[in-house]
C-alpha atoms as a PDB file:
ATOM      1  CA  GLN A   1     113.046  13.533 151.468  1.00  0.00           C
ATOM      2  CA  VAL A   2     111.777  16.615 153.077  1.00  0.00           C
ATOM      3  CA  GLN A   3     108.010  17.717 152.867  1.00  0.00           C
ATOM      4  CA  LEU A   4     107.153  21.431 153.594  1.00  0.00           C
ATOM      5  CA  VAL A   5     103.877  22.883 154.189  1.00  0.00           C
ATOM      6  CA  GLU A   6     103.186  26.702 154.561  1.00  0.00           C
ATOM      7  CA  SER A   7     100.050  28.383 156.137  1.00  0.00           C
ATOM      8  CA  GLY A   8      99.357  31.668 157.127  1.00  0.00           C
ATOM      9  CA  GLY A   9      99.143  33.521 153.703  1.00  0.00           C
ATOM     10  CA  GLY A  10      95.487  35.397 153.072  1.00  0.00           C
ATOM     11  CA  LEU A  11      94.366  38.890 152.051  1.00  0.00           C
ATOM     12  CA  VAL A  12      95.306  41.902 153.949  1.00  0.00           C
ATOM     13  CA  GLN A  13      94.897  45.441 153.587  1.00  0.00           C
ATOM     14  CA  ALA A  14      98.212  47.716 152.921  1.00  0.00           C
ATOM     15  CA  GLY A  15      99.922  48.438 156.571  1.00  0.00           C
ATOM     16  CA  GLY A  16      98.656  45.257 157.950  1.00  0.00           C
ATOM     17  CA  SER A  17     100.462  42.222 159.286  1.00  0.00           C
ATOM     18  CA  LEU A  18     100.583  38.488 158.639  1.00  0.00           C
ATOM     19  CA  ARG A  19     102.621  35.479 159.978  1.00  0.00           C
ATOM     20  CA  LEU A  20     103.656  32.570 157.920  1.00  0.00           C
ATOM     21  CA  SER A  21     104.458  29.545 159.051  1.00  0.00           C
ATOM     22  CA  CYS A  22     106.245  26.464 157.735  1.00  0.00           C
ATOM     23  CA  ALA A  23     106.393  22.983 158.805  1.00  0.00           C
ATOM     24  CA  ALA A  24     109.030  20.217 157.848  1.00  0.00           C
ATOM     25  CA  SER A  25     108.251  16.626 157.845  1.00  0.00           C
ATOM     26  CA  GLY A  26     110.009  13.605 156.681  1.00  0.00           C
ATOM     27  CA  SER A  27     114.064  13.567 156.934  1.00  0.00           C
ATOM     28  CA  ILE A  28     114.024  16.321 159.307  1.00  0.00           C
ATOM     29  CA  LEU A  29     117.422  15.540 160.777  1.00  0.00           C
ATOM     30  CA  ARG A  30     120.203  18.263 160.471  1.00  0.00           C
ATOM     31  CA  LEU A  31     117.935  20.969 158.224  1.00  0.00           C
ATOM     32  CA  ASP A  32     120.339  23.656 157.354  1.00  0.00           C
ATOM     33  CA  THR A  33     119.625  27.016 156.118  1.00  0.00           C
ATOM     34  CA  MET A  34     115.576  27.619 156.197  1.00  0.00           C
ATOM     35  CA  GLY A  35     113.954  30.400 154.325  1.00  0.00           C
ATOM     36  CA  TRP A  36     111.165  32.059 152.550  1.00  0.00           C
ATOM     37  CA  TYR A  37     111.155  33.120 148.960  1.00  0.00           C
ATOM     38  CA  ARG A  38     108.317  34.572 146.783  1.00  0.00           C
ATOM     39  CA  GLN A  39     107.110  35.063 143.315  1.00  0.00           C
ATOM     40  CA  ALA A  40     104.996  37.702 142.124  1.00  0.00           C
ATOM     41  CA  PRO A  41     103.018  37.520 138.908  1.00  0.00           C
ATOM     42  CA  GLY A  42     105.322  38.006 135.987  1.00  0.00           C
ATOM     43  CA  LYS A  43     108.365  38.308 138.196  1.00  0.00           C
ATOM     44  CA  GLN A  44     111.063  35.863 138.913  1.00  0.00           C
ATOM     45  CA  ARG A  45     111.251  33.964 142.418  1.00  0.00           C
ATOM     46  CA  GLU A  46     113.185  36.015 144.993  1.00  0.00           C
ATOM     47  CA  LEU A  47     114.678  35.555 148.243  1.00  0.00           C
ATOM     48  CA  VAL A  48     112.893  37.156 151.063  1.00  0.00           C
ATOM     49  CA  ALA A  49     114.396  35.978 154.032  1.00  0.00           C
ATOM     50  CA  ASP A  50     116.539  33.075 155.301  1.00  0.00           C
ATOM     51  CA  MET A  51     118.138  31.777 158.632  1.00  0.00           C
ATOM     52  CA  SER A  52     121.020  29.581 159.055  1.00  0.00           C
ATOM     53  CA  ARG A  53     121.072  26.510 161.756  1.00  0.00           C
ATOM     54  CA  SER A  54     123.237  28.768 163.872  1.00  0.00           C
ATOM     55  CA  ASP A  55     120.467  31.627 163.698  1.00  0.00           C
ATOM     56  CA  ASN A  56     122.360  33.996 161.141  1.00  0.00           C
ATOM     57  CA  THR A  57     119.629  35.825 159.062  1.00  0.00           C
ATOM     58  CA  ASN A  58     119.553  37.427 155.715  1.00  0.00           C
ATOM     59  CA  TYR A  59     116.943  39.747 154.417  1.00  0.00           C
ATOM     60  CA  ALA A  60     116.224  41.155 150.990  1.00  0.00           C
ATOM     61  CA  ASP A  61     116.648  45.052 151.023  1.00  0.00           C
ATOM     62  CA  SER A  62     112.684  45.461 150.316  1.00  0.00           C
ATOM     63  CA  VAL A  63     111.685  43.879 153.456  1.00  0.00           C
ATOM     64  CA  LYS A  64     114.403  44.899 155.929  1.00  0.00           C
ATOM     65  CA  GLY A  65     112.857  46.611 159.191  1.00  0.00           C
ATOM     66  CA  ARG A  66     109.583  45.011 158.354  1.00  0.00           C
ATOM     67  CA  PHE A  67     109.996  41.116 158.072  1.00  0.00           C
ATOM     68  CA  THR A  68     111.424  39.006 160.598  1.00  0.00           C
ATOM     69  CA  ILE A  69     112.155  35.562 160.159  1.00  0.00           C
ATOM     70  CA  SER A  70     112.435  32.768 162.891  1.00  0.00           C
ATOM     71  CA  ARG A  71     112.780  29.273 163.737  1.00  0.00           C
ATOM     72  CA  ASP A  72     111.640  26.872 166.409  1.00  0.00           C
ATOM     73  CA  ASN A  73     114.164  25.205 169.007  1.00  0.00           C
ATOM     74  CA  ALA A  74     113.923  22.021 167.070  1.00  0.00           C
ATOM     75  CA  LYS A  75     114.747  23.637 163.695  1.00  0.00           C
ATOM     76  CA  THR A  76     111.906  22.091 162.050  1.00  0.00           C
ATOM     77  CA  MET A  77     109.808  25.175 161.523  1.00  0.00           C
ATOM     78  CA  VAL A  78     110.533  28.539 160.057  1.00  0.00           C
ATOM     79  CA  TYR A  79     108.016  31.518 160.558  1.00  0.00           C
ATOM     80  CA  LEU A  80     107.954  34.777 158.821  1.00  0.00           C
ATOM     81  CA  GLN A  81     106.483  37.819 160.476  1.00  0.00           C
ATOM     82  CA  MET A  82     105.315  40.308 158.013  1.00  0.00           C
ATOM     83  CA  ASN A  83     104.445  43.830 159.102  1.00  0.00           C
ATOM     84  CA  SER A  84     103.640  47.198 157.232  1.00  0.00           C
ATOM     85  CA  LEU A  85     102.846  45.310 154.506  1.00  0.00           C
ATOM     86  CA  LYS A  86     102.891  46.788 150.901  1.00  0.00           C
ATOM     87  CA  VAL A  87     100.823  46.336 148.047  1.00  0.00           C
ATOM     88  CA  GLU A  88     104.320  45.241 146.282  1.00  0.00           C
ATOM     89  CA  ASP A  89     104.529  42.466 148.803  1.00  0.00           C
ATOM     90  CA  THR A  90     101.834  40.496 146.865  1.00  0.00           C
ATOM     91  CA  ALA A  91     103.025  37.413 145.766  1.00  0.00           C
ATOM     92  CA  VAL A  92     103.156  33.581 146.570  1.00  0.00           C
ATOM     93  CA  TYR A  93     105.433  33.045 149.447  1.00  0.00           C
ATOM     94  CA  TYR A  94     107.391  29.471 149.217  1.00  0.00           C
ATOM     95  CA  CYS A  95     109.073  28.045 152.293  1.00  0.00           C
ATOM     96  CA  ASN A  96     112.534  26.670 151.730  1.00  0.00           C
ATOM     97  CA  VAL A  97     115.095  24.150 153.126  1.00  0.00           C
ATOM     98  CA  ASN A  98     118.541  23.345 152.275  1.00  0.00           C
ATOM     99  CA  ARG A  99     119.483  19.865 153.821  1.00  0.00           C
ATOM    100  CA  TYR A 100     123.148  18.622 152.683  1.00  0.00           C
ATOM    101  CA  GLY A 101     122.919  20.565 149.841  1.00  0.00           C
ATOM    102  CA  VAL A 102     119.749  19.526 148.443  1.00  0.00           C
ATOM    103  CA  MET A 103     116.917  22.544 148.168  1.00  0.00           C
ATOM    104  CA  TYR A 104     113.516  21.570 148.896  1.00  0.00           C
ATOM    105  CA  TRP A 105     110.328  23.536 148.480  1.00  0.00           C
ATOM    106  CA  GLY A 106     106.642  24.140 149.779  1.00  0.00           C
ATOM    107  CA  LYS A 107     103.856  24.556 147.512  1.00  0.00           C
ATOM    108  CA  GLY A 108     103.654  28.123 148.247  1.00  0.00           C
ATOM    109  CA  THR A 109     100.950  30.289 150.098  1.00  0.00           C
ATOM    110  CA  LEU A 110      99.288  33.337 148.674  1.00  0.00           C
ATOM    111  CA  VAL A 111      99.713  36.715 150.083  1.00  0.00           C
ATOM    112  CA  THR A 112      97.627  39.377 148.535  1.00  0.00           C
ATOM    113  CA  VAL A 113      97.982  42.916 149.937  1.00  0.00           C
ATOM    114  CA  SER A 114      95.200  45.362 148.853  1.00  0.00           C
ATOM    115  CA  SER A 115      95.388  48.958 148.768  1.00  0.00           C
END
């Protein structure tokens, strides 16, 4: 089992920045792709960004150029630097990791962007 704990969410004005962090614990040997998803009220959960173990990245079109995903050298933490935040970025952000084909999720952290 892998446990994921997110932190760094909060309230920010449009145009501001936040940095989300996610720490993995438990069976952390050989974590593959780690990433961030988000779910806004009334909408489906969507991929924001992910990063493979070989550091290949993938971003949603809506965040390209504004958000940056990164991992630590031990590959047990993943970060999401969010700049130029927009009201439409408001959502619960979930950390996700794939380990041997099994997906694990954190409980989420709320990001609220005010106008």
